[in-house]
Amino acid sequence: VVPMGLLARLTGRPLAAPVTAMDTQASAARARAIVMEVERRLGFEPTDREVEKLGYDIESRDPRTGRLRFLEVKGRVSGADTITVTRNEILYSLNKPDDFILAIVEFVDGDTHRVHYVHRPFRREPDFGVVSVNYDFAELLARGEEPS
């Protein structure tokens, strides 16, 4: 086992700053704010429910019909390998397949981002005891659509 710092020094490459929980929370909050704004532009009335741990982050109401849709938001840097989804999020999506959207905010650089909506993102529930599942980022993006 060779320490990462030693490898960085020997190869002349800078050591990447570790991702902290604070970085992840800030990125998630930014992604949610972006999706909330997208939902408003589409004519919906979104409510942030992330802290309630319901299996989705945003509940969005259609003011014409009263129908609700549920969005799980994931923010990732462009080129990331995976998106981690909790068992609870997968189960909620399977229980509300027509009303659930996986909203992916792809951070391209700085202030540039792209939003992708994936309808029916998951096909089966995880095995008992599975806490979370990693999905291929590129595959999910390929299935994504413009928000609507």
N, C-alpha and C. Protein backbone atom coordinates (compact mmCIF):
# COMPACT_ATOMS: atom_id res chain seq x y z
N VAL A 1 0.86 -1.17 0.00
CA VAL A 1 0.00 0.00 0.00
C VAL A 1 0.90 1.23 0.00
N VAL A 2 0.64 2.13 -0.97
CA VAL A 2 1.43 3.35 -1.10
C VAL A 2 0.52 4.53 -0.79
N PRO A 3 0.93 5.41 0.12
CA PRO A 3 0.10 6.57 0.46
C PRO A 3 -0.14 7.46 -0.75
N MET A 4 -1.35 8.02 -0.85
CA MET A 4 -1.71 8.88 -1.98
C MET A 4 -0.83 10.12 -2.06
N GLY A 5 -0.47 10.67 -0.91
CA GLY A 5 0.39 11.85 -0.89
C GLY A 5 1.75 11.56 -1.50
N LEU A 6 2.31 10.39 -1.21
CA LEU A 6 3.60 10.00 -1.79
C LEU A 6 3.46 9.83 -3.30
N LEU A 7 2.42 9.18 -3.75
CA LEU A 7 2.19 9.02 -5.19
C LEU A 7 2.07 10.37 -5.89
N ALA A 8 1.35 11.28 -5.28
CA ALA A 8 1.17 12.61 -5.86
C ALA A 8 2.51 13.32 -5.98
N ARG A 9 3.33 13.21 -4.94
CA ARG A 9 4.64 13.87 -4.96
C ARG A 9 5.55 13.24 -6.00
N LEU A 10 5.57 11.92 -6.10
CA LEU A 10 6.44 11.22 -7.04
C LEU A 10 6.03 11.46 -8.50
N THR A 11 4.74 11.59 -8.75
CA THR A 11 4.26 11.78 -10.12
C THR A 11 4.14 13.25 -10.49
N GLY A 12 4.26 14.14 -9.51
CA GLY A 12 4.14 15.56 -9.79
C GLY A 12 2.70 16.03 -9.95
N ARG A 13 1.76 15.17 -9.64
CA ARG A 13 0.35 15.54 -9.74
C ARG A 13 -0.15 16.04 -8.39
N PRO A 14 -0.99 17.07 -8.41
CA PRO A 14 -1.52 17.56 -7.13
C PRO A 14 -2.47 16.53 -6.51
N LEU A 15 -2.46 16.52 -5.21
CA LEU A 15 -3.36 15.64 -4.47
C LEU A 15 -4.74 16.28 -4.45
N ALA A 16 -5.73 15.55 -4.92
CA ALA A 16 -7.10 16.08 -4.95
C ALA A 16 -7.59 16.32 -3.53
N ALA A 17 -8.27 17.41 -3.36
CA ALA A 17 -8.84 17.71 -2.04
C ALA A 17 -9.93 16.69 -1.74
N PRO A 18 -9.95 16.17 -0.53
CA PRO A 18 -10.99 15.19 -0.20
C PRO A 18 -12.37 15.84 -0.20
N VAL A 19 -13.34 15.07 -0.64
CA VAL A 19 -14.72 15.55 -0.62
C VAL A 19 -15.24 15.37 0.80
N THR A 20 -15.74 16.44 1.36
CA THR A 20 -16.24 16.38 2.73
C THR A 20 -17.77 16.31 2.72
N ALA A 21 -18.33 15.96 3.85
CA ALA A 21 -19.78 15.93 3.97
C ALA A 21 -20.37 17.31 3.69
N MET A 22 -19.64 18.36 4.10
CA MET A 22 -20.11 19.72 3.87
C MET A 22 -20.17 20.02 2.37
N ASP A 23 -19.13 19.57 1.59
CA ASP A 23 -19.14 19.75 0.14
C ASP A 23 -20.35 19.06 -0.48
N THR A 24 -20.60 17.84 -0.04
CA THR A 24 -21.72 17.05 -0.57
C THR A 24 -23.04 17.72 -0.25
N GLN A 25 -23.21 18.21 0.97
CA GLN A 25 -24.46 18.87 1.35
C GLN A 25 -24.67 20.16 0.56
N ALA A 26 -23.60 20.92 0.34
CA ALA A 26 -23.70 22.16 -0.42
C ALA A 26 -24.08 21.86 -1.87
N SER A 27 -23.48 20.84 -2.45
CA SER A 27 -23.78 20.44 -3.82
C SER A 27 -25.23 19.97 -3.93
N ALA A 28 -25.69 19.19 -2.96
CA ALA A 28 -27.07 18.69 -2.97
C ALA A 28 -28.06 19.84 -2.83
N ALA A 29 -27.77 20.80 -1.96
CA ALA A 29 -28.65 21.96 -1.78
C ALA A 29 -28.71 22.79 -3.06
N ARG A 30 -27.57 22.97 -3.70
CA ARG A 30 -27.53 23.72 -4.97
C ARG A 30 -28.35 23.00 -6.04
N ALA A 31 -28.20 21.69 -6.13
CA ALA A 31 -28.95 20.91 -7.11
C ALA A 31 -30.46 21.02 -6.85
N ARG A 32 -30.86 20.93 -5.59
CA ARG A 32 -32.28 21.06 -5.26
C ARG A 32 -32.82 22.44 -5.64
N ALA A 33 -32.05 23.48 -5.37
CA ALA A 33 -32.48 24.84 -5.72
C ALA A 33 -32.66 24.98 -7.23
N ILE A 34 -31.77 24.38 -7.99
CA ILE A 34 -31.86 24.42 -9.46
C ILE A 34 -33.13 23.72 -9.92
N VAL A 35 -33.40 22.53 -9.39
CA VAL A 35 -34.59 21.77 -9.79
C VAL A 35 -35.87 22.48 -9.34
N MET A 36 -35.85 23.10 -8.17
CA MET A 36 -37.02 23.87 -7.71
C MET A 36 -37.32 24.99 -8.73
N GLU A 37 -36.29 25.66 -9.20
CA GLU A 37 -36.48 26.73 -10.18
C GLU A 37 -37.00 26.17 -11.51
N VAL A 38 -36.48 25.04 -11.95
CA VAL A 38 -36.97 24.40 -13.17
C VAL A 38 -38.46 24.08 -13.03
N GLU A 39 -38.84 23.51 -11.90
CA GLU A 39 -40.24 23.16 -11.66
C GLU A 39 -41.13 24.41 -11.70
N ARG A 40 -40.68 25.50 -11.12
CA ARG A 40 -41.46 26.74 -11.15
C ARG A 40 -41.64 27.23 -12.59
N ARG A 41 -40.55 27.18 -13.38
CA ARG A 41 -40.63 27.62 -14.77
C ARG A 41 -41.59 26.75 -15.58
N LEU A 42 -41.72 25.48 -15.18
CA LEU A 42 -42.65 24.57 -15.86
C LEU A 42 -44.09 24.75 -15.40
N GLY A 43 -44.30 25.62 -14.41
CA GLY A 43 -45.65 25.91 -13.93
C GLY A 43 -46.08 25.12 -12.71
N PHE A 44 -45.15 24.39 -12.10
CA PHE A 44 -45.47 23.60 -10.91
C PHE A 44 -45.19 24.41 -9.65
N GLU A 45 -45.68 23.91 -8.53
CA GLU A 45 -45.45 24.53 -7.22
C GLU A 45 -44.65 23.55 -6.37
N PRO A 46 -43.31 23.67 -6.39
CA PRO A 46 -42.46 22.72 -5.67
C PRO A 46 -42.29 23.05 -4.19
N THR A 47 -42.13 21.99 -3.39
CA THR A 47 -41.84 22.11 -1.97
C THR A 47 -40.66 21.20 -1.65
N ASP A 48 -39.66 21.75 -0.97
CA ASP A 48 -38.48 20.96 -0.59
C ASP A 48 -38.83 20.09 0.61
N ARG A 49 -38.72 18.78 0.45
CA ARG A 49 -39.03 17.81 1.51
C ARG A 49 -37.81 16.98 1.91
N GLU A 50 -36.64 17.40 1.49
CA GLU A 50 -35.42 16.61 1.68
C GLU A 50 -35.19 16.21 3.13
N VAL A 51 -35.38 17.12 4.06
CA VAL A 51 -35.08 16.81 5.46
C VAL A 51 -36.03 15.78 6.07
N GLU A 52 -37.16 15.54 5.41
CA GLU A 52 -38.13 14.58 5.94
C GLU A 52 -37.80 13.13 5.60
N LYS A 53 -36.84 12.92 4.69
CA LYS A 53 -36.38 11.56 4.32
C LYS A 53 -37.54 10.66 3.91
N LEU A 54 -38.35 11.14 2.97
CA LEU A 54 -39.54 10.42 2.53
C LEU A 54 -39.27 9.46 1.37
N GLY A 55 -38.10 9.58 0.75
CA GLY A 55 -37.79 8.79 -0.44
C GLY A 55 -37.73 9.66 -1.67
N TYR A 56 -37.88 10.96 -1.47
CA TYR A 56 -37.75 11.95 -2.54
C TYR A 56 -37.38 13.27 -1.89
N ASP A 57 -36.90 14.21 -2.70
CA ASP A 57 -36.46 15.50 -2.19
C ASP A 57 -37.47 16.62 -2.39
N ILE A 58 -38.17 16.58 -3.53
CA ILE A 58 -39.09 17.66 -3.87
C ILE A 58 -40.46 17.09 -4.21
N GLU A 59 -41.47 17.69 -3.61
CA GLU A 59 -42.86 17.38 -3.93
C GLU A 59 -43.34 18.56 -4.79
N SER A 60 -43.83 18.27 -5.98
CA SER A 60 -44.18 19.34 -6.91
C SER A 60 -45.64 19.19 -7.34
N ARG A 61 -46.42 20.23 -7.11
CA ARG A 61 -47.87 20.20 -7.35
C ARG A 61 -48.21 20.91 -8.65
N ASP A 62 -49.06 20.26 -9.44
CA ASP A 62 -49.62 20.88 -10.64
C ASP A 62 -50.82 21.71 -10.18
N PRO A 63 -50.76 23.05 -10.27
CA PRO A 63 -51.85 23.88 -9.73
C PRO A 63 -53.17 23.72 -10.49
N ARG A 64 -53.12 23.22 -11.72
CA ARG A 64 -54.36 23.04 -12.50
C ARG A 64 -55.13 21.81 -12.06
N THR A 65 -54.39 20.74 -11.72
CA THR A 65 -55.05 19.46 -11.41
C THR A 65 -54.92 19.06 -9.95
N GLY A 66 -53.95 19.65 -9.24
CA GLY A 66 -53.67 19.26 -7.86
C GLY A 66 -52.80 18.01 -7.76
N ARG A 67 -52.49 17.41 -8.89
CA ARG A 67 -51.67 16.19 -8.90
C ARG A 67 -50.25 16.49 -8.43
N LEU A 68 -49.72 15.56 -7.65
CA LEU A 68 -48.35 15.70 -7.15
C LEU A 68 -47.40 14.82 -7.93
N ARG A 69 -46.17 15.30 -8.09
CA ARG A 69 -45.09 14.47 -8.59
C ARG A 69 -43.94 14.60 -7.62
N PHE A 70 -43.10 13.57 -7.59
CA PHE A 70 -42.08 13.45 -6.56
C PHE A 70 -40.71 13.33 -7.23
N LEU A 71 -39.81 14.23 -6.88
CA LEU A 71 -38.51 14.27 -7.53
C LEU A 71 -37.40 13.97 -6.53
N GLU A 72 -36.59 13.01 -6.86
CA GLU A 72 -35.35 12.74 -6.13
C GLU A 72 -34.26 13.45 -6.90
N VAL A 73 -33.52 14.32 -6.25
CA VAL A 73 -32.52 15.15 -6.92
C VAL A 73 -31.12 14.65 -6.59
N LYS A 74 -30.32 14.49 -7.64
CA LYS A 74 -28.92 14.11 -7.49
C LYS A 74 -28.08 15.10 -8.27
N GLY A 75 -27.12 15.72 -7.62
CA GLY A 75 -26.20 16.63 -8.28
C GLY A 75 -24.84 15.97 -8.40
N ARG A 76 -24.30 15.93 -9.61
CA ARG A 76 -23.00 15.30 -9.84
C ARG A 76 -22.19 16.13 -10.82
N VAL A 77 -20.88 16.08 -10.66
CA VAL A 77 -19.97 16.72 -11.59
C VAL A 77 -19.97 15.91 -12.88
N SER A 78 -19.98 16.59 -14.01
CA SER A 78 -19.96 15.92 -15.31
C SER A 78 -18.79 14.94 -15.36
N GLY A 79 -19.04 13.73 -15.82
CA GLY A 79 -18.00 12.72 -15.90
C GLY A 79 -17.89 11.83 -14.68
N ALA A 80 -18.73 12.06 -13.68
CA ALA A 80 -18.71 11.20 -12.48
C ALA A 80 -19.00 9.76 -12.90
N ASP A 81 -18.57 8.83 -12.09
CA ASP A 81 -18.77 7.41 -12.40
C ASP A 81 -20.15 6.92 -12.02
N THR A 82 -20.61 7.30 -10.82
CA THR A 82 -21.84 6.71 -10.30
C THR A 82 -22.73 7.74 -9.62
N ILE A 83 -23.97 7.31 -9.43
CA ILE A 83 -24.94 8.02 -8.59
C ILE A 83 -25.41 7.01 -7.56
N THR A 84 -25.36 7.39 -6.30
CA THR A 84 -25.80 6.50 -5.23
C THR A 84 -27.24 6.83 -4.86
N VAL A 85 -28.06 5.78 -4.82
CA VAL A 85 -29.47 5.93 -4.52
C VAL A 85 -29.80 5.03 -3.33
N THR A 86 -30.54 5.56 -2.38
CA THR A 86 -30.88 4.77 -1.19
C THR A 86 -32.01 3.78 -1.49
N ARG A 87 -32.08 2.78 -0.67
CA ARG A 87 -33.16 1.80 -0.76
C ARG A 87 -34.53 2.49 -0.69
N ASN A 88 -34.66 3.44 0.24
CA ASN A 88 -35.91 4.17 0.41
C ASN A 88 -36.31 4.91 -0.87
N GLU A 89 -35.34 5.54 -1.53
CA GLU A 89 -35.62 6.26 -2.77
C GLU A 89 -36.08 5.31 -3.87
N ILE A 90 -35.43 4.16 -3.98
CA ILE A 90 -35.81 3.16 -4.99
C ILE A 90 -37.22 2.65 -4.72
N LEU A 91 -37.49 2.30 -3.47
CA LEU A 91 -38.82 1.77 -3.12
C LEU A 91 -39.91 2.80 -3.41
N TYR A 92 -39.66 4.07 -3.07
CA TYR A 92 -40.67 5.09 -3.34
C TYR A 92 -40.93 5.21 -4.83
N SER A 93 -39.86 5.16 -5.63
CA SER A 93 -40.04 5.27 -7.08
C SER A 93 -40.86 4.12 -7.64
N LEU A 94 -40.68 2.93 -7.08
CA LEU A 94 -41.43 1.76 -7.55
C LEU A 94 -42.89 1.80 -7.09
N ASN A 95 -43.15 2.44 -5.96
CA ASN A 95 -44.53 2.57 -5.46
C ASN A 95 -45.31 3.67 -6.19
N LYS A 96 -44.61 4.63 -6.77
CA LYS A 96 -45.24 5.75 -7.49
C LYS A 96 -44.61 5.89 -8.88
N PRO A 97 -44.62 4.84 -9.70
CA PRO A 97 -43.86 4.87 -10.95
C PRO A 97 -44.26 5.98 -11.92
N ASP A 98 -45.51 6.35 -11.96
CA ASP A 98 -45.95 7.40 -12.89
C ASP A 98 -45.72 8.81 -12.36
N ASP A 99 -45.43 8.92 -11.08
CA ASP A 99 -45.30 10.23 -10.45
C ASP A 99 -43.89 10.54 -9.94
N PHE A 100 -42.95 9.63 -10.15
CA PHE A 100 -41.60 9.79 -9.61
C PHE A 100 -40.64 10.16 -10.74
N ILE A 101 -39.76 11.12 -10.46
CA ILE A 101 -38.74 11.54 -11.42
C ILE A 101 -37.40 11.59 -10.69
N LEU A 102 -36.38 10.99 -11.29
CA LEU A 102 -35.02 11.17 -10.82
C LEU A 102 -34.48 12.38 -11.58
N ALA A 103 -34.26 13.47 -10.86
CA ALA A 103 -33.77 14.72 -11.47
C ALA A 103 -32.26 14.79 -11.23
N ILE A 104 -31.50 14.74 -12.32
CA ILE A 104 -30.04 14.77 -12.22
C ILE A 104 -29.57 16.15 -12.67
N VAL A 105 -28.84 16.82 -11.79
CA VAL A 105 -28.21 18.09 -12.14
C VAL A 105 -26.75 17.77 -12.40
N GLU A 106 -26.36 17.94 -13.65
CA GLU A 106 -24.98 17.67 -14.07
C GLU A 106 -24.22 18.99 -14.05
N PHE A 107 -23.28 19.11 -13.12
CA PHE A 107 -22.47 20.33 -13.01
C PHE A 107 -21.31 20.22 -14.00
N VAL A 108 -21.36 21.07 -15.04
CA VAL A 108 -20.36 21.00 -16.10
C VAL A 108 -19.09 21.73 -15.67
N ASP A 109 -19.21 22.96 -15.25
CA ASP A 109 -18.09 23.72 -14.69
C ASP A 109 -18.65 24.99 -14.06
N GLY A 110 -18.02 25.41 -12.99
CA GLY A 110 -18.44 26.64 -12.33
C GLY A 110 -19.94 26.77 -12.18
N ASP A 111 -20.52 27.71 -12.93
CA ASP A 111 -21.96 27.97 -12.84
C ASP A 111 -22.77 27.28 -13.93
N THR A 112 -22.12 26.50 -14.78
CA THR A 112 -22.81 25.83 -15.87
C THR A 112 -23.32 24.47 -15.42
N HIS A 113 -24.56 24.18 -15.76
CA HIS A 113 -25.15 22.89 -15.40
C HIS A 113 -26.19 22.49 -16.44
N ARG A 114 -26.51 21.19 -16.44
CA ARG A 114 -27.58 20.64 -17.27
C ARG A 114 -28.49 19.83 -16.36
N VAL A 115 -29.79 19.91 -16.62
CA VAL A 115 -30.76 19.16 -15.81
C VAL A 115 -31.38 18.07 -16.69
N HIS A 116 -31.39 16.86 -16.17
CA HIS A 116 -31.94 15.70 -16.87
C HIS A 116 -33.01 15.07 -15.98
N TYR A 117 -34.18 14.77 -16.56
CA TYR A 117 -35.24 14.08 -15.83
C TYR A 117 -35.31 12.64 -16.33
N VAL A 118 -35.20 11.68 -15.41
CA VAL A 118 -35.30 10.26 -15.75
C VAL A 118 -36.60 9.73 -15.17
N HIS A 119 -37.51 9.33 -16.04
CA HIS A 119 -38.78 8.75 -15.62
C HIS A 119 -38.60 7.24 -15.48
N ARG A 120 -39.24 6.67 -14.45
CA ARG A 120 -39.12 5.22 -14.16
C ARG A 120 -37.65 4.79 -14.14
N PRO A 121 -36.87 5.41 -13.27
CA PRO A 121 -35.42 5.16 -13.28
C PRO A 121 -35.00 3.78 -12.78
N PHE A 122 -35.82 3.15 -11.96
CA PHE A 122 -35.42 1.88 -11.34
C PHE A 122 -36.43 0.79 -11.70
N ARG A 123 -35.92 -0.42 -11.87
CA ARG A 123 -36.77 -1.51 -12.37
C ARG A 123 -37.19 -2.51 -11.29
N ARG A 124 -36.38 -2.62 -10.25
CA ARG A 124 -36.70 -3.63 -9.22
C ARG A 124 -36.19 -3.14 -7.87
N GLU A 125 -36.80 -3.69 -6.83
CA GLU A 125 -36.36 -3.30 -5.49
C GLU A 125 -35.07 -4.02 -5.14
N PRO A 126 -34.24 -3.38 -4.33
CA PRO A 126 -32.98 -4.01 -3.90
C PRO A 126 -33.25 -5.20 -2.99
N ASP A 127 -32.28 -6.08 -2.91
CA ASP A 127 -32.39 -7.21 -1.99
C ASP A 127 -32.56 -6.70 -0.56
N PHE A 128 -33.16 -7.54 0.28
CA PHE A 128 -33.33 -7.20 1.68
C PHE A 128 -31.95 -6.94 2.29
N GLY A 129 -31.84 -5.91 3.09
CA GLY A 129 -30.57 -5.60 3.74
C GLY A 129 -29.69 -4.64 2.95
N VAL A 130 -30.02 -4.38 1.69
CA VAL A 130 -29.25 -3.42 0.89
C VAL A 130 -29.66 -2.01 1.33
N VAL A 131 -28.67 -1.20 1.64
CA VAL A 131 -28.92 0.16 2.12
C VAL A 131 -28.96 1.16 0.96
N SER A 132 -28.06 0.97 -0.01
CA SER A 132 -28.00 1.86 -1.17
C SER A 132 -27.43 1.10 -2.36
N VAL A 133 -27.63 1.68 -3.54
CA VAL A 133 -27.17 1.07 -4.78
C VAL A 133 -26.48 2.15 -5.61
N ASN A 134 -25.35 1.80 -6.22
CA ASN A 134 -24.67 2.71 -7.14
C ASN A 134 -25.11 2.42 -8.56
N TYR A 135 -25.55 3.46 -9.26
CA TYR A 135 -25.96 3.34 -10.66
C TYR A 135 -24.95 4.08 -11.54
N ASP A 136 -24.76 3.58 -12.74
CA ASP A 136 -23.84 4.18 -13.69
C ASP A 136 -24.36 5.55 -14.13
N PHE A 137 -23.55 6.58 -13.89
CA PHE A 137 -23.94 7.96 -14.18
C PHE A 137 -24.26 8.15 -15.67
N ALA A 138 -23.37 7.67 -16.55
CA ALA A 138 -23.56 7.86 -17.99
C ALA A 138 -24.83 7.16 -18.48
N GLU A 139 -25.11 5.99 -17.95
CA GLU A 139 -26.31 5.25 -18.37
C GLU A 139 -27.58 6.00 -17.96
N LEU A 140 -27.59 6.54 -16.76
CA LEU A 140 -28.75 7.32 -16.32
C LEU A 140 -28.92 8.58 -17.17
N LEU A 141 -27.81 9.26 -17.48
CA LEU A 141 -27.89 10.46 -18.32
C LEU A 141 -28.44 10.11 -19.69
N ALA A 142 -28.04 8.96 -20.23
CA ALA A 142 -28.51 8.55 -21.56
C ALA A 142 -30.03 8.33 -21.56
N ARG A 143 -30.58 7.95 -20.42
CA ARG A 143 -32.03 7.73 -20.31
C ARG A 143 -32.78 9.01 -19.96
N GLY A 144 -32.04 10.05 -19.62
CA GLY A 144 -32.66 11.30 -19.20
C GLY A 144 -33.26 12.10 -20.35
N GLU A 145 -34.19 12.97 -19.99
CA GLU A 145 -34.87 13.83 -20.96
C GLU A 145 -34.84 15.27 -20.45
N GLU A 146 -35.19 16.18 -21.35
CA GLU A 146 -35.37 17.57 -20.94
C GLU A 146 -36.50 17.63 -19.91
N PRO A 147 -36.37 18.45 -18.90
CA PRO A 147 -37.45 18.57 -17.91
C PRO A 147 -38.77 18.98 -18.57
N SER A 148 -39.83 18.30 -18.14
CA SER A 148 -41.17 18.64 -18.64
C SER A 148 -42.21 18.26 -17.59
